[in-house]
Amino acid sequence: MLWVDKYRPKTLDKVLVHQDIAENLKKLVMEQDCPHLLFYGPSGSGKKTMIMAVLRQMFGASADKVKVENKNWKIDAGTRTIDVELTTLSSTHYVEMNPSIAGFYDRYVVQEIIKEMAKN
């Protein structure tokens, strides 16, 4: 286990950076009124730490049980069709992906994945 993962805050109470955001997320979790959330920001800004803390508070230890899938997608990007291999981490509670590997076409990747998930 990497040092970073070992000492990563496990709950929203222990988050030291972005405490204002952590407080807002705590309110959502306590009210059990949590909409779909999309986190964005530069690499290393604490997105994954914050997300995992929210998931642990909502779902307990089962949020840590994930499966890794590699899937090939044929994306209709306007005038062209592109092939993208995307690795996703998923559990019964959430899906984690990095569509930026498609470059400029990342929005088409996200749209296609949402369509696919809505079918299931």
PDB file of N, CA and C in Angstrom:
ATOM      1  N   MET A   1       0.844  -1.176   0.000  1.00  0.00           N
ATOM      2  CA  MET A   1       0.000   0.000   0.000  1.00  0.00           C
ATOM      3  C   MET A   1       0.891   1.241   0.000  1.00  0.00           C
ATOM      4  N   LEU A   2       0.547   2.179  -0.835  1.00  0.00           N
ATOM      5  CA  LEU A   2       1.305   3.421  -0.904  1.00  0.00           C
ATOM      6  C   LEU A   2       1.072   4.262   0.347  1.00  0.00           C
ATOM      7  N   TRP A   3       2.059   5.058   0.709  1.00  0.00           N
ATOM      8  CA  TRP A   3       1.957   5.934   1.869  1.00  0.00           C
ATOM      9  C   TRP A   3       0.750   6.859   1.735  1.00  0.00           C
ATOM     10  N   VAL A   4       0.554   7.386   0.534  1.00  0.00           N
ATOM     11  CA  VAL A   4      -0.553   8.313   0.278  1.00  0.00           C
ATOM     12  C   VAL A   4      -1.891   7.646   0.582  1.00  0.00           C
ATOM     13  N   ASP A   5      -2.041   6.405   0.148  1.00  0.00           N
ATOM     14  CA  ASP A   5      -3.299   5.702   0.390  1.00  0.00           C
ATOM     15  C   ASP A   5      -3.471   5.328   1.856  1.00  0.00           C
ATOM     16  N   LYS A   6      -2.381   4.994   2.504  1.00  0.00           N
ATOM     17  CA  LYS A   6      -2.448   4.588   3.905  1.00  0.00           C
ATOM     18  C   LYS A   6      -2.926   5.732   4.796  1.00  0.00           C
ATOM     19  N   TYR A   7      -2.462   6.943   4.535  1.00  0.00           N
ATOM     20  CA  TYR A   7      -2.778   8.086   5.392  1.00  0.00           C
ATOM     21  C   TYR A   7      -3.832   9.026   4.817  1.00  0.00           C
ATOM     22  N   ARG A   8      -4.495   8.611   3.768  1.00  0.00           N
ATOM     23  CA  ARG A   8      -5.573   9.407   3.174  1.00  0.00           C
ATOM     24  C   ARG A   8      -6.732   9.504   4.171  1.00  0.00           C
ATOM     25  N   PRO A   9      -7.336  10.683   4.357  1.00  0.00           N
ATOM     26  CA  PRO A   9      -8.475  10.789   5.283  1.00  0.00           C
ATOM     27  C   PRO A   9      -9.605   9.846   4.866  1.00  0.00           C
ATOM     28  N   LYS A  10     -10.156   9.124   5.835  1.00  0.00           N
ATOM     29  CA  LYS A  10     -11.202   8.138   5.539  1.00  0.00           C
ATOM     30  C   LYS A  10     -12.614   8.702   5.708  1.00  0.00           C
ATOM     31  N   THR A  11     -12.760   9.803   6.431  1.00  0.00           N
ATOM     32  CA  THR A  11     -14.079  10.408   6.637  1.00  0.00           C
ATOM     33  C   THR A  11     -14.011  11.901   6.321  1.00  0.00           C
ATOM     34  N   LEU A  12     -15.168  12.487   6.116  1.00  0.00           N
ATOM     35  CA  LEU A  12     -15.223  13.923   5.822  1.00  0.00           C
ATOM     36  C   LEU A  12     -14.775  14.762   7.011  1.00  0.00           C
ATOM     37  N   ASP A  13     -14.899  14.225   8.224  1.00  0.00           N
ATOM     38  CA  ASP A  13     -14.456  14.960   9.413  1.00  0.00           C
ATOM     39  C   ASP A  13     -12.940  15.138   9.447  1.00  0.00           C
ATOM     40  N   LYS A  14     -12.211  14.222   8.820  1.00  0.00           N
ATOM     41  CA  LYS A  14     -10.750  14.267   8.865  1.00  0.00           C
ATOM     42  C   LYS A  14     -10.123  14.977   7.668  1.00  0.00           C
ATOM     43  N   VAL A  15     -10.944  15.453   6.742  1.00  0.00           N
ATOM     44  CA  VAL A  15     -10.439  16.172   5.571  1.00  0.00           C
ATOM     45  C   VAL A  15      -9.921  17.535   6.015  1.00  0.00           C
ATOM     46  N   LEU A  16      -8.682  17.858   5.659  1.00  0.00           N
ATOM     47  CA  LEU A  16      -8.076  19.122   6.079  1.00  0.00           C
ATOM     48  C   LEU A  16      -8.169  20.214   5.019  1.00  0.00           C
ATOM     49  N   VAL A  17      -8.204  19.821   3.763  1.00  0.00           N
ATOM     50  CA  VAL A  17      -8.261  20.775   2.660  1.00  0.00           C
ATOM     51  C   VAL A  17      -9.705  20.820   2.154  1.00  0.00           C
ATOM     52  N   HIS A  18     -10.143  21.938   1.660  1.00  0.00           N
ATOM     53  CA  HIS A  18     -11.511  22.116   1.147  1.00  0.00           C
ATOM     54  C   HIS A  18     -12.548  21.787   2.220  1.00  0.00           C
ATOM     55  N   GLN A  19     -12.350  22.309   3.420  1.00  0.00           N
ATOM     56  CA  GLN A  19     -13.266  22.007   4.523  1.00  0.00           C
ATOM     57  C   GLN A  19     -14.675  22.536   4.264  1.00  0.00           C
ATOM     58  N   ASP A  20     -14.784  23.629   3.517  1.00  0.00           N
ATOM     59  CA  ASP A  20     -16.107  24.162   3.191  1.00  0.00           C
ATOM     60  C   ASP A  20     -16.888  23.188   2.314  1.00  0.00           C
ATOM     61  N   ILE A  21     -16.204  22.596   1.355  1.00  0.00           N
ATOM     62  CA  ILE A  21     -16.845  21.605   0.487  1.00  0.00           C
ATOM     63  C   ILE A  21     -17.201  20.360   1.292  1.00  0.00           C
ATOM     64  N   ALA A  22     -16.302  19.947   2.171  1.00  0.00           N
ATOM     65  CA  ALA A  22     -16.563  18.776   3.013  1.00  0.00           C
ATOM     66  C   ALA A  22     -17.799  18.996   3.884  1.00  0.00           C
ATOM     67  N   GLU A  23     -17.965  20.197   4.411  1.00  0.00           N
ATOM     68  CA  GLU A  23     -19.146  20.502   5.235  1.00  0.00           C
ATOM     69  C   GLU A  23     -20.427  20.408   4.413  1.00  0.00           C
ATOM     70  N   ASN A  24     -20.398  20.939   3.195  1.00  0.00           N
ATOM     71  CA  ASN A  24     -21.577  20.851   2.324  1.00  0.00           C
ATOM     72  C   ASN A  24     -21.905  19.398   1.989  1.00  0.00           C
ATOM     73  N   LEU A  25     -20.877  18.602   1.733  1.00  0.00           N
ATOM     74  CA  LEU A  25     -21.100  17.189   1.430  1.00  0.00           C
ATOM     75  C   LEU A  25     -21.642  16.443   2.646  1.00  0.00           C
ATOM     76  N   LYS A  26     -21.154  16.796   3.837  1.00  0.00           N
ATOM     77  CA  LYS A  26     -21.668  16.175   5.069  1.00  0.00           C
ATOM     78  C   LYS A  26     -23.160  16.446   5.228  1.00  0.00           C
ATOM     79  N   LYS A  27     -23.574  17.672   4.917  1.00  0.00           N
ATOM     80  CA  LYS A  27     -24.998  18.017   5.013  1.00  0.00           C
ATOM     81  C   LYS A  27     -25.825  17.168   4.052  1.00  0.00           C
ATOM     82  N   LEU A  28     -25.331  16.995   2.832  1.00  0.00           N
ATOM     83  CA  LEU A  28     -26.041  16.161   1.860  1.00  0.00           C
ATOM     84  C   LEU A  28     -26.175  14.726   2.355  1.00  0.00           C
ATOM     85  N   VAL A  29     -25.104  14.194   2.925  1.00  0.00           N
ATOM     86  CA  VAL A  29     -25.119  12.816   3.420  1.00  0.00           C
ATOM     87  C   VAL A  29     -26.084  12.687   4.594  1.00  0.00           C
ATOM     88  N   MET A  30     -26.046  13.643   5.515  1.00  0.00           N
ATOM     89  CA  MET A  30     -26.924  13.581   6.693  1.00  0.00           C
ATOM     90  C   MET A  30     -28.396  13.701   6.316  1.00  0.00           C
ATOM     91  N   GLU A  31     -28.686  14.546   5.343  1.00  0.00           N
ATOM     92  CA  GLU A  31     -30.073  14.727   4.906  1.00  0.00           C
ATOM     93  C   GLU A  31     -30.540  13.579   4.021  1.00  0.00           C
ATOM     94  N   GLN A  32     -29.637  12.712   3.637  1.00  0.00           N
ATOM     95  CA  GLN A  32     -29.906  11.604   2.718  1.00  0.00           C
ATOM     96  C   GLN A  32     -30.571  12.111   1.444  1.00  0.00           C
ATOM     97  N   ASP A  33     -30.119  13.257   1.001  1.00  0.00           N
ATOM     98  CA  ASP A  33     -30.626  13.872  -0.215  1.00  0.00           C
ATOM     99  C   ASP A  33     -29.430  14.168  -1.111  1.00  0.00           C
ATOM    100  N   CYS A  34     -28.817  13.112  -1.595  1.00  0.00           N
ATOM    101  CA  CYS A  34     -27.589  13.270  -2.360  1.00  0.00           C
ATOM    102  C   CYS A  34     -27.870  13.064  -3.847  1.00  0.00           C
ATOM    103  N   PRO A  35     -27.802  14.120  -4.633  1.00  0.00           N
ATOM    104  CA  PRO A  35     -28.016  13.985  -6.078  1.00  0.00           C
ATOM    105  C   PRO A  35     -26.790  13.356  -6.739  1.00  0.00           C
ATOM    106  N   HIS A  36     -26.852  13.195  -8.043  1.00  0.00           N
ATOM    107  CA  HIS A  36     -25.672  12.741  -8.774  1.00  0.00           C
ATOM    108  C   HIS A  36     -24.621  13.835  -8.666  1.00  0.00           C
ATOM    109  N   LEU A  37     -23.390  13.434  -8.419  1.00  0.00           N
ATOM    110  CA  LEU A  37     -22.313  14.404  -8.229  1.00  0.00           C
ATOM    111  C   LEU A  37     -21.245  14.204  -9.286  1.00  0.00           C
ATOM    112  N   LEU A  38     -20.705  15.286  -9.769  1.00  0.00           N
ATOM    113  CA  LEU A  38     -19.603  15.262 -10.719  1.00  0.00           C
ATOM    114  C   LEU A  38     -18.496  16.111 -10.128  1.00  0.00           C
ATOM    115  N   PHE A  39     -17.340  15.497  -9.890  1.00  0.00           N
ATOM    116  CA  PHE A  39     -16.201  16.202  -9.311  1.00  0.00           C
ATOM    117  C   PHE A  39     -15.201  16.503 -10.417  1.00  0.00           C
ATOM    118  N   TYR A  40     -14.651  17.686 -10.415  1.00  0.00           N
ATOM    119  CA  TYR A  40     -13.635  18.043 -11.391  1.00  0.00           C
ATOM    120  C   TYR A  40     -12.573  18.887 -10.710  1.00  0.00           C
ATOM    121  N   GLY A  41     -11.412  18.949 -11.337  1.00  0.00           N
ATOM    122  CA  GLY A  41     -10.322  19.751 -10.801  1.00  0.00           C
ATOM    123  C   GLY A  41      -8.996  19.188 -11.249  1.00  0.00           C
ATOM    124  N   PRO A  42      -7.928  19.907 -10.977  1.00  0.00           N
ATOM    125  CA  PRO A  42      -6.606  19.453 -11.407  1.00  0.00           C
ATOM    126  C   PRO A  42      -6.160  18.215 -10.633  1.00  0.00           C
ATOM    127  N   SER A  43      -5.208  17.538 -11.199  1.00  0.00           N
ATOM    128  CA  SER A  43      -4.643  16.352 -10.568  1.00  0.00           C
ATOM    129  C   SER A  43      -4.064  16.714  -9.204  1.00  0.00           C
ATOM    130  N   GLY A  44      -4.357  15.889  -8.206  1.00  0.00           N
ATOM    131  CA  GLY A  44      -3.817  16.121  -6.874  1.00  0.00           C
ATOM    132  C   GLY A  44      -4.605  17.096  -6.018  1.00  0.00           C
ATOM    133  N   SER A  45      -5.787  17.488  -6.461  1.00  0.00           N
ATOM    134  CA  SER A  45      -6.561  18.478  -5.700  1.00  0.00           C
ATOM    135  C   SER A  45      -7.458  17.860  -4.631  1.00  0.00           C
ATOM    136  N   GLY A  46      -7.462  16.546  -4.503  1.00  0.00           N
ATOM    137  CA  GLY A  46      -8.221  15.889  -3.442  1.00  0.00           C
ATOM    138  C   GLY A  46      -9.586  15.366  -3.852  1.00  0.00           C
ATOM    139  N   LYS A  47      -9.830  15.260  -5.145  1.00  0.00           N
ATOM    140  CA  LYS A  47     -11.131  14.788  -5.621  1.00  0.00           C
ATOM    141  C   LYS A  47     -11.420  13.371  -5.120  1.00  0.00           C
ATOM    142  N   LYS A  48     -10.504  12.470  -5.360  1.00  0.00           N
ATOM    143  CA  LYS A  48     -10.722  11.068  -4.992  1.00  0.00           C
ATOM    144  C   LYS A  48     -10.846  10.909  -3.477  1.00  0.00           C
ATOM    145  N   THR A  49     -10.047  11.620  -2.719  1.00  0.00           N
ATOM    146  CA  THR A  49     -10.129  11.555  -1.258  1.00  0.00           C
ATOM    147  C   THR A  49     -11.509  11.989  -0.785  1.00  0.00           C
ATOM    148  N   MET A  50     -11.996  13.094  -1.318  1.00  0.00           N
ATOM    149  CA  MET A  50     -13.306  13.608  -0.929  1.00  0.00           C
ATOM    150  C   MET A  50     -14.414  12.635  -1.334  1.00  0.00           C
ATOM    151  N   ILE A  51     -14.327  12.109  -2.537  1.00  0.00           N
ATOM    152  CA  ILE A  51     -15.346  11.179  -3.030  1.00  0.00           C
ATOM    153  C   ILE A  51     -15.389   9.919  -2.176  1.00  0.00           C
ATOM    154  N   MET A  52     -14.229   9.351  -1.894  1.00  0.00           N
ATOM    155  CA  MET A  52     -14.198   8.120  -1.101  1.00  0.00           C
ATOM    156  C   MET A  52     -14.703   8.366   0.318  1.00  0.00           C
ATOM    157  N   ALA A  53     -14.430   9.521   0.877  1.00  0.00           N
ATOM    158  CA  ALA A  53     -14.941   9.847   2.216  1.00  0.00           C
ATOM    159  C   ALA A  53     -16.466   9.934   2.203  1.00  0.00           C
ATOM    160  N   VAL A  54     -17.023  10.556   1.179  1.00  0.00           N
ATOM    161  CA  VAL A  54     -18.481  10.646   1.052  1.00  0.00           C
ATOM    162  C   VAL A  54     -19.086   9.253   0.909  1.00  0.00           C
ATOM    163  N   LEU A  55     -18.496   8.444   0.034  1.00  0.00           N
ATOM    164  CA  LEU A  55     -19.028   7.099  -0.188  1.00  0.00           C
ATOM    165  C   LEU A  55     -18.961   6.243   1.069  1.00  0.00           C
ATOM    166  N   ARG A  56     -17.872   6.346   1.818  1.00  0.00           N
ATOM    167  CA  ARG A  56     -17.758   5.574   3.065  1.00  0.00           C
ATOM    168  C   ARG A  56     -18.815   6.006   4.079  1.00  0.00           C
ATOM    169  N   GLN A  57     -19.085   7.302   4.150  1.00  0.00           N
ATOM    170  CA  GLN A  57     -20.102   7.767   5.092  1.00  0.00           C
ATOM    171  C   GLN A  57     -21.498   7.348   4.656  1.00  0.00           C
ATOM    172  N   MET A  58     -21.719   7.241   3.358  1.00  0.00           N
ATOM    173  CA  MET A  58     -23.040   6.860   2.868  1.00  0.00           C
ATOM    174  C   MET A  58     -23.264   5.350   2.905  1.00  0.00           C
ATOM    175  N   PHE A  59     -22.252   4.580   2.488  1.00  0.00           N
ATOM    176  CA  PHE A  59     -22.446   3.149   2.268  1.00  0.00           C
ATOM    177  C   PHE A  59     -21.592   2.250   3.149  1.00  0.00           C
ATOM    178  N   GLY A  60     -20.741   2.824   3.973  1.00  0.00           N
ATOM    179  CA  GLY A  60     -19.892   2.013   4.841  1.00  0.00           C
ATOM    180  C   GLY A  60     -18.747   1.362   4.085  1.00  0.00           C
ATOM    181  N   ALA A  61     -18.272   0.242   4.608  1.00  0.00           N
ATOM    182  CA  ALA A  61     -17.096  -0.427   4.043  1.00  0.00           C
ATOM    183  C   ALA A  61     -17.346  -1.010   2.653  1.00  0.00           C
ATOM    184  N   SER A  62     -18.601  -1.222   2.282  1.00  0.00           N
ATOM    185  CA  SER A  62     -18.876  -1.800   0.960  1.00  0.00           C
ATOM    186  C   SER A  62     -18.471  -0.856  -0.174  1.00  0.00           C
ATOM    187  N   ALA A  63     -18.271   0.412   0.118  1.00  0.00           N
ATOM    188  CA  ALA A  63     -17.837   1.371  -0.909  1.00  0.00           C
ATOM    189  C   ALA A  63     -16.420   1.082  -1.384  1.00  0.00           C
ATOM    190  N   ASP A  64     -15.638   0.378  -0.573  1.00  0.00           N
ATOM    191  CA  ASP A  64     -14.253   0.070  -0.939  1.00  0.00           C
ATOM    192  C   ASP A  64     -14.123  -1.157  -1.836  1.00  0.00           C
ATOM    193  N   LYS A  65     -15.188  -1.914  -1.993  1.00  0.00           N
ATOM    194  CA  LYS A  65     -15.141  -3.128  -2.810  1.00  0.00           C
ATOM    195  C   LYS A  65     -15.455  -2.763  -4.252  1.00  0.00           C
ATOM    196  N   VAL A  66     -14.433  -2.773  -5.101  1.00  0.00           N
ATOM    197  CA  VAL A  66     -14.605  -2.367  -6.496  1.00  0.00           C
ATOM    198  C   VAL A  66     -14.122  -3.458  -7.438  1.00  0.00           C
ATOM    199  N   LYS A  67     -14.636  -3.413  -8.659  1.00  0.00           N
ATOM    200  CA  LYS A  67     -14.123  -4.296  -9.704  1.00  0.00           C
ATOM    201  C   LYS A  67     -13.610  -3.430 -10.846  1.00  0.00           C
ATOM    202  N   VAL A  68     -12.587  -3.931 -11.503  1.00  0.00           N
ATOM    203  CA  VAL A  68     -11.944  -3.210 -12.600  1.00  0.00           C
ATOM    204  C   VAL A  68     -12.400  -3.837 -13.909  1.00  0.00           C
ATOM    205  N   GLU A  69     -12.858  -3.004 -14.831  1.00  0.00           N
ATOM    206  CA  GLU A  69     -13.291  -3.479 -16.139  1.00  0.00           C
ATOM    207  C   GLU A  69     -12.600  -2.678 -17.231  1.00  0.00           C
ATOM    208  N   ASN A  70     -12.120  -3.377 -18.241  1.00  0.00           N
ATOM    209  CA  ASN A  70     -11.618  -2.733 -19.456  1.00  0.00           C
ATOM    210  C   ASN A  70     -12.644  -3.000 -20.537  1.00  0.00           C
ATOM    211  N   LYS A  71     -13.135  -1.952 -21.144  1.00  0.00           N
ATOM    212  CA  LYS A  71     -14.165  -2.117 -22.158  1.00  0.00           C
ATOM    213  C   LYS A  71     -13.833  -1.254 -23.364  1.00  0.00           C
ATOM    214  N   ASN A  72     -14.074  -1.811 -24.536  1.00  0.00           N
ATOM    215  CA  ASN A  72     -13.888  -1.058 -25.777  1.00  0.00           C
ATOM    216  C   ASN A  72     -15.209  -0.398 -26.146  1.00  0.00           C
ATOM    217  N   TRP A  73     -15.147   0.868 -26.468  1.00  0.00           N
ATOM    218  CA  TRP A  73     -16.330   1.636 -26.834  1.00  0.00           C
ATOM    219  C   TRP A  73     -16.182   2.142 -28.256  1.00  0.00           C
ATOM    220  N   LYS A  74     -17.249   2.051 -29.031  1.00  0.00           N
ATOM    221  CA  LYS A  74     -17.313   2.702 -30.337  1.00  0.00           C
ATOM    222  C   LYS A  74     -18.148   3.954 -30.124  1.00  0.00           C
ATOM    223  N   ILE A  75     -17.505   5.076 -30.256  1.00  0.00           N
ATOM    224  CA  ILE A  75     -18.149   6.352 -29.955  1.00  0.00           C
ATOM    225  C   ILE A  75     -18.458   7.087 -31.251  1.00  0.00           C
ATOM    226  N   ASP A  76     -19.726   7.452 -31.421  1.00  0.00           N
ATOM    227  CA  ASP A  76     -20.132   8.249 -32.572  1.00  0.00           C
ATOM    228  C   ASP A  76     -19.907   9.709 -32.217  1.00  0.00           C
ATOM    229  N   ALA A  77     -18.828  10.275 -32.735  1.00  0.00           N
ATOM    230  CA  ALA A  77     -18.429  11.642 -32.396  1.00  0.00           C
ATOM    231  C   ALA A  77     -18.725  12.575 -33.563  1.00  0.00           C
ATOM    232  N   GLY A  78     -19.986  12.808 -33.785  1.00  0.00           N
ATOM    233  CA  GLY A  78     -20.359  13.713 -34.867  1.00  0.00           C
ATOM    234  C   GLY A  78     -20.111  13.088 -36.225  1.00  0.00           C
ATOM    235  N   THR A  79     -19.062  13.526 -36.903  1.00  0.00           N
ATOM    236  CA  THR A  79     -18.776  13.058 -38.258  1.00  0.00           C
ATOM    237  C   THR A  79     -17.908  11.810 -38.299  1.00  0.00           C
ATOM    238  N   ARG A  80     -17.331  11.402 -37.163  1.00  0.00           N
ATOM    239  CA  ARG A  80     -16.464  10.225 -37.153  1.00  0.00           C
ATOM    240  C   ARG A  80     -16.870   9.263 -36.048  1.00  0.00           C
ATOM    241  N   THR A  81     -16.392   8.056 -36.193  1.00  0.00           N
ATOM    242  CA  THR A  81     -16.555   7.051 -35.149  1.00  0.00           C
ATOM    243  C   THR A  81     -15.170   6.736 -34.613  1.00  0.00           C
ATOM    244  N   ILE A  82     -15.012   6.802 -33.303  1.00  0.00           N
ATOM    245  CA  ILE A  82     -13.709   6.525 -32.708  1.00  0.00           C
ATOM    246  C   ILE A  82     -13.819   5.321 -31.779  1.00  0.00           C
ATOM    247  N   ASP A  83     -12.734   4.561 -31.702  1.00  0.00           N
ATOM    248  CA  ASP A  83     -12.645   3.425 -30.793  1.00  0.00           C
ATOM    249  C   ASP A  83     -11.837   3.850 -29.581  1.00  0.00           C
ATOM    250  N   VAL A  84     -12.388   3.616 -28.401  1.00  0.00           N
ATOM    251  CA  VAL A  84     -11.726   3.993 -27.158  1.00  0.00           C
ATOM    252  C   VAL A  84     -11.762   2.804 -26.214  1.00  0.00           C
ATOM    253  N   GLU A  85     -10.604   2.466 -25.641  1.00  0.00           N
ATOM    254  CA  GLU A  85     -10.577   1.467 -24.580  1.00  0.00           C
ATOM    255  C   GLU A  85     -10.532   2.228 -23.263  1.00  0.00           C
ATOM    256  N   LEU A  86     -11.526   1.996 -22.423  1.00  0.00           N
ATOM    257  CA  LEU A  86     -11.660   2.748 -21.182  1.00  0.00           C
ATOM    258  C   LEU A  86     -11.681   1.786 -20.001  1.00  0.00           C
ATOM    259  N   THR A  87     -10.874   2.073 -19.004  1.00  0.00           N
ATOM    260  CA  THR A  87     -10.858   1.297 -17.775  1.00  0.00           C
ATOM    261  C   THR A  87     -11.773   1.978 -16.772  1.00  0.00           C
ATOM    262  N   THR A  88     -12.704   1.209 -16.209  1.00  0.00           N
ATOM    263  CA  THR A  88     -13.603   1.757 -15.200  1.00  0.00           C
ATOM    264  C   THR A  88     -13.478   0.956 -13.913  1.00  0.00           C
ATOM    265  N   LEU A  89     -13.596   1.643 -12.812  1.00  0.00           N
ATOM    266  CA  LEU A  89     -13.689   1.016 -11.496  1.00  0.00           C
ATOM    267  C   LEU A  89     -15.138   1.170 -11.076  1.00  0.00           C
ATOM    268  N   SER A  90     -15.768   0.080 -10.665  1.00  0.00           N
ATOM    269  CA  SER A  90     -17.168   0.196 -10.280  1.00  0.00           C
ATOM    270  C   SER A  90     -17.490  -0.687  -9.091  1.00  0.00           C
ATOM    271  N   SER A  91     -18.473  -0.246  -8.344  1.00  0.00           N
ATOM    272  CA  SER A  91     -19.033  -1.036  -7.254  1.00  0.00           C
ATOM    273  C   SER A  91     -20.543  -0.962  -7.421  1.00  0.00           C
ATOM    274  N   THR A  92     -21.260  -1.463  -6.450  1.00  0.00           N
ATOM    275  CA  THR A  92     -22.714  -1.375  -6.532  1.00  0.00           C
ATOM    276  C   THR A  92     -23.204   0.048  -6.297  1.00  0.00           C
ATOM    277  N   HIS A  93     -22.324   0.933  -5.848  1.00  0.00           N
ATOM    278  CA  HIS A  93     -22.723   2.287  -5.486  1.00  0.00           C
ATOM    279  C   HIS A  93     -22.213   3.377  -6.422  1.00  0.00           C
ATOM    280  N   TYR A  94     -21.132   3.129  -7.138  1.00  0.00           N
ATOM    281  CA  TYR A  94     -20.558   4.200  -7.954  1.00  0.00           C
ATOM    282  C   TYR A  94     -19.721   3.644  -9.103  1.00  0.00           C
ATOM    283  N   VAL A  95     -19.396   4.538 -10.042  1.00  0.00           N
ATOM    284  CA  VAL A  95     -18.523   4.221 -11.176  1.00  0.00           C
ATOM    285  C   VAL A  95     -17.458   5.304 -11.254  1.00  0.00           C
ATOM    286  N   GLU A  96     -16.214   4.876 -11.442  1.00  0.00           N
ATOM    287  CA  GLU A  96     -15.099   5.817 -11.572  1.00  0.00           C
ATOM    288  C   GLU A  96     -14.445   5.589 -12.927  1.00  0.00           C
ATOM    289  N   MET A  97     -14.238   6.668 -13.680  1.00  0.00           N
ATOM    290  CA  MET A  97     -13.634   6.549 -15.007  1.00  0.00           C
ATOM    291  C   MET A  97     -12.813   7.791 -15.319  1.00  0.00           C
ATOM    292  N   ASN A  98     -11.965   7.671 -16.336  1.00  0.00           N
ATOM    293  CA  ASN A  98     -11.149   8.791 -16.780  1.00  0.00           C
ATOM    294  C   ASN A  98     -11.324   8.944 -18.291  1.00  0.00           C
ATOM    295  N   PRO A  99     -12.344   9.683 -18.731  1.00  0.00           N
ATOM    296  CA  PRO A  99     -12.607   9.800 -20.163  1.00  0.00           C
ATOM    297  C   PRO A  99     -11.630  10.697 -20.908  1.00  0.00           C
ATOM    298  N   SER A 100     -10.721  11.352 -20.204  1.00  0.00           N
ATOM    299  CA  SER A 100      -9.810  12.289 -20.864  1.00  0.00           C
ATOM    300  C   SER A 100      -8.838  11.596 -21.813  1.00  0.00           C
ATOM    301  N   ILE A 101      -8.753  10.264 -21.754  1.00  0.00           N
ATOM    302  CA  ILE A 101      -7.875   9.564 -22.703  1.00  0.00           C
ATOM    303  C   ILE A 101      -8.372   9.705 -24.136  1.00  0.00           C
ATOM    304  N   ALA A 102      -9.639  10.097 -24.295  1.00  0.00           N
ATOM    305  CA  ALA A 102     -10.194  10.298 -25.631  1.00  0.00           C
ATOM    306  C   ALA A 102      -9.888  11.689 -26.162  1.00  0.00           C
ATOM    307  N   GLY A 103      -9.180  12.492 -25.385  1.00  0.00           N
ATOM    308  CA  GLY A 103      -8.810  13.833 -25.825  1.00  0.00           C
ATOM    309  C   GLY A 103     -10.022  14.726 -26.005  1.00  0.00           C
ATOM    310  N   PHE A 104     -10.088  15.374 -27.153  1.00  0.00           N
ATOM    311  CA  PHE A 104     -11.161  16.316 -27.451  1.00  0.00           C
ATOM    312  C   PHE A 104     -12.538  15.650 -27.441  1.00  0.00           C
ATOM    313  N   TYR A 105     -12.579  14.338 -27.655  1.00  0.00           N
ATOM    314  CA  TYR A 105     -13.843  13.610 -27.753  1.00  0.00           C
ATOM    315  C   TYR A 105     -14.340  13.085 -26.407  1.00  0.00           C
ATOM    316  N   ASP A 106     -13.768  13.557 -25.318  1.00  0.00           N
ATOM    317  CA  ASP A 106     -14.143  13.032 -24.001  1.00  0.00           C
ATOM    318  C   ASP A 106     -15.624  13.226 -23.683  1.00  0.00           C
ATOM    319  N   ARG A 107     -16.216  14.299 -24.153  1.00  0.00           N
ATOM    320  CA  ARG A 107     -17.640  14.514 -23.868  1.00  0.00           C
ATOM    321  C   ARG A 107     -18.505  13.458 -24.539  1.00  0.00           C
ATOM    322  N   TYR A 108     -18.100  12.997 -25.736  1.00  0.00           N
ATOM    323  CA  TYR A 108     -18.848  11.940 -26.405  1.00  0.00           C
ATOM    324  C   TYR A 108     -18.732  10.623 -25.639  1.00  0.00           C
ATOM    325  N   VAL A 109     -17.574  10.379 -25.065  1.00  0.00           N
ATOM    326  CA  VAL A 109     -17.364   9.177 -24.257  1.00  0.00           C
ATOM    327  C   VAL A 109     -18.297   9.202 -23.049  1.00  0.00           C
ATOM    328  N   VAL A 110     -18.345  10.322 -22.355  1.00  0.00           N
ATOM    329  CA  VAL A 110     -19.209  10.443 -21.178  1.00  0.00           C
ATOM    330  C   VAL A 110     -20.675  10.253 -21.573  1.00  0.00           C
ATOM    331  N   GLN A 111     -21.100  10.865 -22.665  1.00  0.00           N
ATOM    332  CA  GLN A 111     -22.486  10.724 -23.114  1.00  0.00           C
ATOM    333  C   GLN A 111     -22.820   9.268 -23.425  1.00  0.00           C
ATOM    334  N   GLU A 112     -21.913   8.579 -24.088  1.00  0.00           N
ATOM    335  CA  GLU A 112     -22.149   7.177 -24.454  1.00  0.00           C
ATOM    336  C   GLU A 112     -22.229   6.288 -23.215  1.00  0.00           C
ATOM    337  N   ILE A 113     -21.362   6.524 -22.258  1.00  0.00           N
ATOM    338  CA  ILE A 113     -21.364   5.721 -21.031  1.00  0.00           C
ATOM    339  C   ILE A 113     -22.645   5.963 -20.241  1.00  0.00           C
ATOM    340  N   ILE A 114     -23.091   7.201 -20.168  1.00  0.00           N
ATOM    341  CA  ILE A 114     -24.343   7.499 -19.462  1.00  0.00           C
ATOM    342  C   ILE A 114     -25.513   6.805 -20.147  1.00  0.00           C
ATOM    343  N   LYS A 115     -25.546   6.828 -21.475  1.00  0.00           N
ATOM    344  CA  LYS A 115     -26.612   6.134 -22.204  1.00  0.00           C
ATOM    345  C   LYS A 115     -26.598   4.641 -21.891  1.00  0.00           C
ATOM    346  N   GLU A 116     -25.412   4.049 -21.903  1.00  0.00           N
ATOM    347  CA  GLU A 116     -25.268   2.618 -21.627  1.00  0.00           C
ATOM    348  C   GLU A 116     -25.727   2.281 -20.207  1.00  0.00           C
ATOM    349  N   MET A 117     -25.351   3.100 -19.248  1.00  0.00           N
ATOM    350  CA  MET A 117     -25.729   2.842 -17.856  1.00  0.00           C
ATOM    351  C   MET A 117     -27.229   3.043 -17.645  1.00  0.00           C
ATOM    352  N   ALA A 118     -27.831   3.963 -18.357  1.00  0.00           N
ATOM    353  CA  ALA A 118     -29.267   4.209 -18.217  1.00  0.00           C
ATOM    354  C   ALA A 118     -30.082   3.029 -18.740  1.00  0.00           C
ATOM    355  N   LYS A 119     -29.539   2.297 -19.702  1.00  0.00           N
ATOM    356  CA  LYS A 119     -30.223   1.110 -20.229  1.00  0.00           C
ATOM    357  C   LYS A 119     -30.302   0.009 -19.187  1.00  0.00           C
ATOM    358  N   ASN A 120     -29.261  -0.084 -18.369  1.00  0.00           N
ATOM    359  CA  ASN A 120     -29.214  -1.176 -17.383  1.00  0.00           C
ATOM    360  C   ASN A 120     -29.918  -0.744 -16.160  1.00  0.00           C
TER     361      ASN A 120
END
